[in-house]
């Protein structure tokens, strides 16, 4: 970011998407189809020695590393037919699916800075895409948006009090921000289509 220059990174076979940094900045976790199904891999920042973390009959993607502990990752996998939210150890072991009440499917997990809350977009059977926050310890879930367009890609502010996200509630896909309890939502972008916000951690 200081120089504005791109840094070289290896070209792995297949499709390589949804990268995420480790909390200490020494590793990158991402989804890759280099060996067939899209699975999660972790590598150092130079792309050396990629290590496969998941092995499943389905696609695993959108990993999010717990920024506080560095010991847990959340990710999305459709190994059971539709995308579900999973938690696992950072080395890929002990992957556990988080069952949600009325099914649908989950995408875009994002940890709060304190590592206690997990925001995500949940497409429920009604067809609505809304944002939710889950307490990782108690598994209690709070709905942040309701029936206001398609809401996706949450990203936390460093203070843990705000969430930026994309929404179609105004007719086009734009960037919005709200308090972490879902209140005081207001629009940040107005022209063209804007998506996939990512709040700088500092």
C-alpha atoms as a PDB file:
ATOM      1  CA  UNK A   1       0.000   0.000   0.000  1.00  0.00           C
ATOM      2  CA  UNK A   2       2.916   2.374   0.608  1.00  0.00           C
ATOM      3  CA  UNK A   3       4.385   2.061  -2.870  1.00  0.00           C
ATOM      4  CA  UNK A   4       1.204   1.190  -4.752  1.00  0.00           C
ATOM      5  CA  UNK A   5       3.048  -1.631  -6.487  1.00  0.00           C
ATOM      6  CA  UNK A   6       1.849  -5.183  -6.981  1.00  0.00           C
ATOM      7  CA  UNK A   7       3.891  -7.898  -5.270  1.00  0.00           C
ATOM      8  CA  UNK A   8       4.526 -11.114  -7.194  1.00  0.00           C
ATOM      9  CA  UNK A   9       2.732 -14.238  -6.014  1.00  0.00           C
ATOM     10  CA  UNK A  10       2.878 -17.762  -7.512  1.00  0.00           C
ATOM     11  CA  UNK A  11       0.314 -18.799 -10.088  1.00  0.00           C
ATOM     12  CA  UNK A  12      -1.237 -21.971  -8.758  1.00  0.00           C
ATOM     13  CA  UNK A  13      -3.246 -24.192 -11.068  1.00  0.00           C
ATOM     14  CA  UNK A  14      -7.012 -23.853 -11.205  1.00  0.00           C
ATOM     15  CA  UNK A  15      -9.064 -21.113  -9.599  1.00  0.00           C
ATOM     16  CA  UNK A  16      -7.639 -19.322  -6.570  1.00  0.00           C
ATOM     17  CA  UNK A  17     -10.014 -17.048  -4.639  1.00  0.00           C
ATOM     18  CA  UNK A  18     -11.095 -15.584  -1.276  1.00  0.00           C
ATOM     19  CA  UNK A  19      -7.692 -14.930   0.359  1.00  0.00           C
ATOM     20  CA  UNK A  20      -7.458 -13.907   4.013  1.00  0.00           C
ATOM     21  CA  UNK A  21      -4.493 -12.878   6.174  1.00  0.00           C
ATOM     22  CA  UNK A  22      -3.483 -14.570   9.405  1.00  0.00           C
ATOM     23  CA  UNK A  23      -3.655 -12.207  12.409  1.00  0.00           C
ATOM     24  CA  UNK A  24       0.132 -11.942  12.577  1.00  0.00           C
ATOM     25  CA  UNK A  25       0.434 -11.211   8.846  1.00  0.00           C
ATOM     26  CA  UNK A  26       2.772 -14.138   8.140  1.00  0.00           C
ATOM     27  CA  UNK A  27       0.345 -16.443   6.312  1.00  0.00           C
ATOM     28  CA  UNK A  28      -2.444 -16.330   3.750  1.00  0.00           C
ATOM     29  CA  UNK A  29      -5.346 -18.772   3.678  1.00  0.00           C
ATOM     30  CA  UNK A  30      -7.323 -19.110   0.444  1.00  0.00           C
ATOM     31  CA  UNK A  31      -9.520 -21.407  -1.626  1.00  0.00           C
ATOM     32  CA  UNK A  32      -7.941 -23.199  -4.576  1.00  0.00           C
ATOM     33  CA  UNK A  33      -8.898 -25.871  -7.098  1.00  0.00           C
ATOM     34  CA  UNK A  34      -5.237 -26.698  -7.793  1.00  0.00           C
ATOM     35  CA  UNK A  35      -5.905 -30.359  -6.924  1.00  0.00           C
ATOM     36  CA  UNK A  36      -9.515 -30.667  -8.095  1.00  0.00           C
ATOM     37  CA  UNK A  37     -12.298 -29.524  -5.769  1.00  0.00           C
ATOM     38  CA  UNK A  38     -11.945 -26.028  -4.317  1.00  0.00           C
ATOM     39  CA  UNK A  39     -10.322 -26.596  -0.920  1.00  0.00           C
ATOM     40  CA  UNK A  40      -8.635 -24.369   1.645  1.00  0.00           C
ATOM     41  CA  UNK A  41      -4.875 -23.939   1.579  1.00  0.00           C
ATOM     42  CA  UNK A  42      -2.486 -21.915   3.690  1.00  0.00           C
ATOM     43  CA  UNK A  43       0.831 -20.505   2.537  1.00  0.00           C
ATOM     44  CA  UNK A  44       3.435 -17.997   3.604  1.00  0.00           C
ATOM     45  CA  UNK A  45       3.206 -14.475   2.221  1.00  0.00           C
ATOM     46  CA  UNK A  46       5.433 -15.365  -0.724  1.00  0.00           C
ATOM     47  CA  UNK A  47       3.168 -18.224  -1.773  1.00  0.00           C
ATOM     48  CA  UNK A  48       5.665 -20.875  -0.755  1.00  0.00           C
ATOM     49  CA  UNK A  49       4.823 -24.345   0.504  1.00  0.00           C
ATOM     50  CA  UNK A  50       1.010 -24.304   0.182  1.00  0.00           C
ATOM     51  CA  UNK A  51      -0.533 -26.699   2.695  1.00  0.00           C
ATOM     52  CA  UNK A  52      -3.982 -28.165   2.147  1.00  0.00           C
ATOM     53  CA  UNK A  53      -6.304 -27.735   5.136  1.00  0.00           C
ATOM     54  CA  UNK A  54      -9.619 -29.253   4.008  1.00  0.00           C
ATOM     55  CA  UNK A  55     -10.545 -32.462   2.239  1.00  0.00           C
ATOM     56  CA  UNK A  56     -14.232 -32.674   1.379  1.00  0.00           C
ATOM     57  CA  UNK A  57     -16.568 -33.717  -1.422  1.00  0.00           C
ATOM     58  CA  UNK A  58     -17.524 -30.166  -2.215  1.00  0.00           C
ATOM     59  CA  UNK A  59     -16.223 -26.614  -2.381  1.00  0.00           C
ATOM     60  CA  UNK A  60     -14.671 -24.893   0.634  1.00  0.00           C
ATOM     61  CA  UNK A  61     -14.092 -21.144   0.418  1.00  0.00           C
ATOM     62  CA  UNK A  62     -14.354 -17.725   2.097  1.00  0.00           C
ATOM     63  CA  UNK A  63     -12.063 -18.498   5.061  1.00  0.00           C
ATOM     64  CA  UNK A  64     -11.896 -15.957   7.876  1.00  0.00           C
ATOM     65  CA  UNK A  65      -9.164 -16.209  10.511  1.00  0.00           C
ATOM     66  CA  UNK A  66     -10.105 -15.301  14.085  1.00  0.00           C
ATOM     67  CA  UNK A  67      -8.156 -12.031  14.512  1.00  0.00           C
ATOM     68  CA  UNK A  68      -7.843 -12.313  18.281  1.00  0.00           C
ATOM     69  CA  UNK A  69      -6.834 -15.914  18.899  1.00  0.00           C
ATOM     70  CA  UNK A  70      -5.410 -16.947  15.517  1.00  0.00           C
ATOM     71  CA  UNK A  71      -6.499 -20.463  16.465  1.00  0.00           C
ATOM     72  CA  UNK A  72      -9.854 -20.713  14.671  1.00  0.00           C
ATOM     73  CA  UNK A  73     -11.082 -20.188  11.136  1.00  0.00           C
ATOM     74  CA  UNK A  74     -14.624 -19.819   9.874  1.00  0.00           C
ATOM     75  CA  UNK A  75     -15.343 -20.849   6.305  1.00  0.00           C
ATOM     76  CA  UNK A  76     -18.117 -21.816   3.922  1.00  0.00           C
ATOM     77  CA  UNK A  77     -18.483 -25.305   2.452  1.00  0.00           C
ATOM     78  CA  UNK A  78     -21.160 -27.003   0.371  1.00  0.00           C
ATOM     79  CA  UNK A  79     -19.958 -30.500   1.280  1.00  0.00           C
ATOM     80  CA  UNK A  80     -23.508 -31.255   2.467  1.00  0.00           C
ATOM     81  CA  UNK A  81     -25.187 -29.962  -0.679  1.00  0.00           C
ATOM     82  CA  UNK A  82     -25.659 -26.248   0.039  1.00  0.00           C
ATOM     83  CA  UNK A  83     -23.243 -23.675   1.508  1.00  0.00           C
ATOM     84  CA  UNK A  84     -23.034 -23.918   5.305  1.00  0.00           C
ATOM     85  CA  UNK A  85     -20.876 -22.174   7.862  1.00  0.00           C
ATOM     86  CA  UNK A  86     -18.076 -24.217   9.456  1.00  0.00           C
ATOM     87  CA  UNK A  87     -15.608 -23.557  12.254  1.00  0.00           C
ATOM     88  CA  UNK A  88     -12.310 -25.398  12.493  1.00  0.00           C
ATOM     89  CA  UNK A  89      -8.897 -25.186  14.051  1.00  0.00           C
ATOM     90  CA  UNK A  90      -6.443 -23.059  12.073  1.00  0.00           C
ATOM     91  CA  UNK A  91      -4.738 -26.240  10.828  1.00  0.00           C
ATOM     92  CA  UNK A  92      -8.037 -27.486   9.349  1.00  0.00           C
ATOM     93  CA  UNK A  93      -8.765 -30.095  12.037  1.00  0.00           C
ATOM     94  CA  UNK A  94     -11.995 -30.464  13.991  1.00  0.00           C
ATOM     95  CA  UNK A  95     -14.245 -28.844  11.361  1.00  0.00           C
ATOM     96  CA  UNK A  96     -17.743 -28.384  12.786  1.00  0.00           C
ATOM     97  CA  UNK A  97     -20.840 -27.306  10.869  1.00  0.00           C
ATOM     98  CA  UNK A  98     -22.983 -24.637  12.474  1.00  0.00           C
ATOM     99  CA  UNK A  99     -26.585 -25.709  12.048  1.00  0.00           C
ATOM    100  CA  UNK A 100     -29.010 -22.835  11.557  1.00  0.00           C
ATOM    101  CA  UNK A 101     -32.699 -23.124  12.371  1.00  0.00           C
ATOM    102  CA  UNK A 102     -34.602 -22.957   9.099  1.00  0.00           C
ATOM    103  CA  UNK A 103     -31.718 -23.869   6.771  1.00  0.00           C
ATOM    104  CA  UNK A 104     -31.101 -21.794   3.663  1.00  0.00           C
ATOM    105  CA  UNK A 105     -27.420 -21.107   3.076  1.00  0.00           C
ATOM    106  CA  UNK A 106     -24.688 -18.938   4.529  1.00  0.00           C
ATOM    107  CA  UNK A 107     -21.902 -16.920   2.874  1.00  0.00           C
ATOM    108  CA  UNK A 108     -19.351 -14.193   3.722  1.00  0.00           C
ATOM    109  CA  UNK A 109     -18.235 -14.930   7.313  1.00  0.00           C
ATOM    110  CA  UNK A 110     -16.372 -12.056   8.999  1.00  0.00           C
ATOM    111  CA  UNK A 111     -14.931 -11.989  12.548  1.00  0.00           C
ATOM    112  CA  UNK A 112     -15.272  -8.967  14.802  1.00  0.00           C
ATOM    113  CA  UNK A 113     -11.917  -7.497  15.928  1.00  0.00           C
ATOM    114  CA  UNK A 114     -12.302  -9.045  19.410  1.00  0.00           C
ATOM    115  CA  UNK A 115     -12.799 -12.508  17.903  1.00  0.00           C
ATOM    116  CA  UNK A 116     -16.058 -13.070  19.769  1.00  0.00           C
ATOM    117  CA  UNK A 117     -18.646 -12.328  17.095  1.00  0.00           C
ATOM    118  CA  UNK A 118     -19.069 -13.629  13.571  1.00  0.00           C
ATOM    119  CA  UNK A 119     -21.052 -11.674  10.991  1.00  0.00           C
ATOM    120  CA  UNK A 120     -22.364 -13.403   7.873  1.00  0.00           C
ATOM    121  CA  UNK A 121     -24.929 -13.205   5.102  1.00  0.00           C
ATOM    122  CA  UNK A 122     -27.693 -15.793   5.351  1.00  0.00           C
ATOM    123  CA  UNK A 123     -30.040 -16.581   2.488  1.00  0.00           C
ATOM    124  CA  UNK A 124     -33.080 -18.036   4.170  1.00  0.00           C
ATOM    125  CA  UNK A 125     -35.721 -20.178   2.400  1.00  0.00           C
ATOM    126  CA  UNK A 126     -37.764 -16.988   1.858  1.00  0.00           C
ATOM    127  CA  UNK A 127     -35.059 -15.915  -0.607  1.00  0.00           C
ATOM    128  CA  UNK A 128     -33.931 -12.879   1.398  1.00  0.00           C
ATOM    129  CA  UNK A 129     -30.223 -12.176   1.855  1.00  0.00           C
ATOM    130  CA  UNK A 130     -29.815 -10.595   5.275  1.00  0.00           C
ATOM    131  CA  UNK A 131     -26.913  -9.997   7.642  1.00  0.00           C
ATOM    132  CA  UNK A 132     -26.635 -11.712  11.009  1.00  0.00           C
ATOM    133  CA  UNK A 133     -24.174 -11.766  13.882  1.00  0.00           C
ATOM    134  CA  UNK A 134     -23.457 -14.871  15.928  1.00  0.00           C
ATOM    135  CA  UNK A 135     -21.775 -15.075  19.313  1.00  0.00           C
ATOM    136  CA  UNK A 136     -19.144 -17.747  18.677  1.00  0.00           C
ATOM    137  CA  UNK A 137     -19.264 -19.065  22.250  1.00  0.00           C
ATOM    138  CA  UNK A 138     -23.017 -19.231  22.872  1.00  0.00           C
ATOM    139  CA  UNK A 139     -24.036 -19.630  19.199  1.00  0.00           C
ATOM    140  CA  UNK A 140     -26.761 -17.031  19.740  1.00  0.00           C
ATOM    141  CA  UNK A 141     -27.741 -15.231  16.527  1.00  0.00           C
ATOM    142  CA  UNK A 142     -29.001 -11.674  16.026  1.00  0.00           C
ATOM    143  CA  UNK A 143     -30.539 -10.459  12.760  1.00  0.00           C
ATOM    144  CA  UNK A 144     -29.127  -7.113  11.632  1.00  0.00           C
ATOM    145  CA  UNK A 145     -31.051  -6.443   8.414  1.00  0.00           C
ATOM    146  CA  UNK A 146     -34.526  -7.504   7.376  1.00  0.00           C
ATOM    147  CA  UNK A 147     -36.261  -7.524   3.998  1.00  0.00           C
ATOM    148  CA  UNK A 148     -34.345  -4.499   2.659  1.00  0.00           C
ATOM    149  CA  UNK A 149     -32.834  -5.714  -0.581  1.00  0.00           C
ATOM    150  CA  UNK A 150     -29.963  -8.158  -0.795  1.00  0.00           C
ATOM    151  CA  UNK A 151     -27.369  -7.600   1.953  1.00  0.00           C
ATOM    152  CA  UNK A 152     -23.957  -9.278   1.767  1.00  0.00           C
ATOM    153  CA  UNK A 153     -20.178  -9.017   2.400  1.00  0.00           C
ATOM    154  CA  UNK A 154     -20.027  -7.638   5.953  1.00  0.00           C
ATOM    155  CA  UNK A 155     -16.709  -6.218   7.148  1.00  0.00           C
ATOM    156  CA  UNK A 156     -16.022  -4.894  10.659  1.00  0.00           C
ATOM    157  CA  UNK A 157     -14.570  -1.540  11.584  1.00  0.00           C
ATOM    158  CA  UNK A 158     -11.479  -1.660  13.844  1.00  0.00           C
ATOM    159  CA  UNK A 159     -13.575  -0.322  16.744  1.00  0.00           C
ATOM    160  CA  UNK A 160     -15.958  -3.306  16.485  1.00  0.00           C
ATOM    161  CA  UNK A 161     -18.915  -0.914  16.617  1.00  0.00           C
ATOM    162  CA  UNK A 162     -19.615  -0.571  12.898  1.00  0.00           C
ATOM    163  CA  UNK A 163     -20.088  -2.909   9.948  1.00  0.00           C
ATOM    164  CA  UNK A 164     -19.718  -1.959   6.296  1.00  0.00           C
ATOM    165  CA  UNK A 165     -21.575  -4.079   3.738  1.00  0.00           C
ATOM    166  CA  UNK A 166     -23.088  -4.140   0.272  1.00  0.00           C
ATOM    167  CA  UNK A 167     -26.832  -3.826  -0.275  1.00  0.00           C
ATOM    168  CA  UNK A 168     -29.332  -3.514  -3.105  1.00  0.00           C
ATOM    169  CA  UNK A 169     -31.962  -1.869  -0.892  1.00  0.00           C
ATOM    170  CA  UNK A 170     -31.805   1.306  -2.991  1.00  0.00           C
ATOM    171  CA  UNK A 171     -32.185  -0.515  -6.298  1.00  0.00           C
ATOM    172  CA  UNK A 172     -28.509  -0.844  -7.243  1.00  0.00           C
ATOM    173  CA  UNK A 173     -25.660  -2.557  -5.425  1.00  0.00           C
ATOM    174  CA  UNK A 174     -24.055   0.034  -3.150  1.00  0.00           C
ATOM    175  CA  UNK A 175     -21.900   0.219  -0.027  1.00  0.00           C
ATOM    176  CA  UNK A 176     -23.623   0.914   3.287  1.00  0.00           C
ATOM    177  CA  UNK A 177     -22.462   1.176   6.886  1.00  0.00           C
ATOM    178  CA  UNK A 178     -24.375   0.565  10.120  1.00  0.00           C
ATOM    179  CA  UNK A 179     -23.814   0.096  13.813  1.00  0.00           C
ATOM    180  CA  UNK A 180     -23.027  -3.497  14.774  1.00  0.00           C
ATOM    181  CA  UNK A 181     -26.523  -3.890  16.227  1.00  0.00           C
ATOM    182  CA  UNK A 182     -28.052  -3.170  12.806  1.00  0.00           C
ATOM    183  CA  UNK A 183     -29.187   0.380  13.567  1.00  0.00           C
ATOM    184  CA  UNK A 184     -28.373   3.703  11.891  1.00  0.00           C
ATOM    185  CA  UNK A 185     -27.663   2.291   8.427  1.00  0.00           C
ATOM    186  CA  UNK A 186     -26.608   4.866   5.880  1.00  0.00           C
ATOM    187  CA  UNK A 187     -25.372   4.730   2.301  1.00  0.00           C
ATOM    188  CA  UNK A 188     -21.728   5.494   1.429  1.00  0.00           C
ATOM    189  CA  UNK A 189     -21.688   5.140  -2.390  1.00  0.00           C
ATOM    190  CA  UNK A 190     -24.299   6.310  -4.876  1.00  0.00           C
ATOM    191  CA  UNK A 191     -23.059   5.891  -8.449  1.00  0.00           C
ATOM    192  CA  UNK A 192     -22.644   2.815 -10.647  1.00  0.00           C
ATOM    193  CA  UNK A 193     -22.415  -0.540  -8.799  1.00  0.00           C
ATOM    194  CA  UNK A 194     -20.170  -0.994  -5.765  1.00  0.00           C
ATOM    195  CA  UNK A 195     -19.499  -4.173  -3.820  1.00  0.00           C
ATOM    196  CA  UNK A 196     -17.163  -6.222  -1.594  1.00  0.00           C
ATOM    197  CA  UNK A 197     -16.068  -3.599   0.980  1.00  0.00           C
ATOM    198  CA  UNK A 198     -13.150  -4.449   3.259  1.00  0.00           C
ATOM    199  CA  UNK A 199     -12.455  -2.189   6.235  1.00  0.00           C
ATOM    200  CA  UNK A 200      -8.781  -1.631   7.026  1.00  0.00           C
ATOM    201  CA  UNK A 201      -7.962  -3.220  10.405  1.00  0.00           C
ATOM    202  CA  UNK A 202      -5.982  -0.144  11.542  1.00  0.00           C
END
